Amino acid sequence: MPTQHTPETFAAWMREMMVRRGYPERGGQRKFAADAGVSAPTVSRLLRAEGLPDTRTLQALAELLLVPLPEMLVRAGVVKQEDLARLRPVDPSPISPREAAAELGITSPEGIEAFERMVNGLRAIETNDRRASG
């Protein structure tokens, strides 16, 4: 059965990770907050299990604690471990109109051709708009 992550379990885990990374339980919170680039009250609230931070804060904490962001999101209870397995990696490179059509379920040659014409027409409009305003 998967572990249930709560603000209390996150606080205990974060406290343990801070100590492992050289931030003592007594007196280490302020330095940890400063090093992470988050406010000391935010760190204090987290360690008291009073709510959860936003994803930007979790990103900063993950970087400082040397923990992968997905693990941090699971530990914080933002996502479930089993949900991570269903996520597709994000490819930052743009896809072609033909690939977009396939993703949208457009499979007929006529549909693909019409979709490509529409996308290319919109790209031309965007290019002209940029030239006119720039």
Foldseek 3Di string as FASTA:
>chain_A
DFDQAALQQLLVVLQVLCVVLPQDPPPRQCVLCVQLVHHSVVNVCSNVSNDADDLVSLVSSCVSSVHPSVVSCCNRVVDPPVVVVVDDDDDPDDDALLVVCVVVVNDDPVSSVVSNVVVVVVVVVVVVVVVVVD
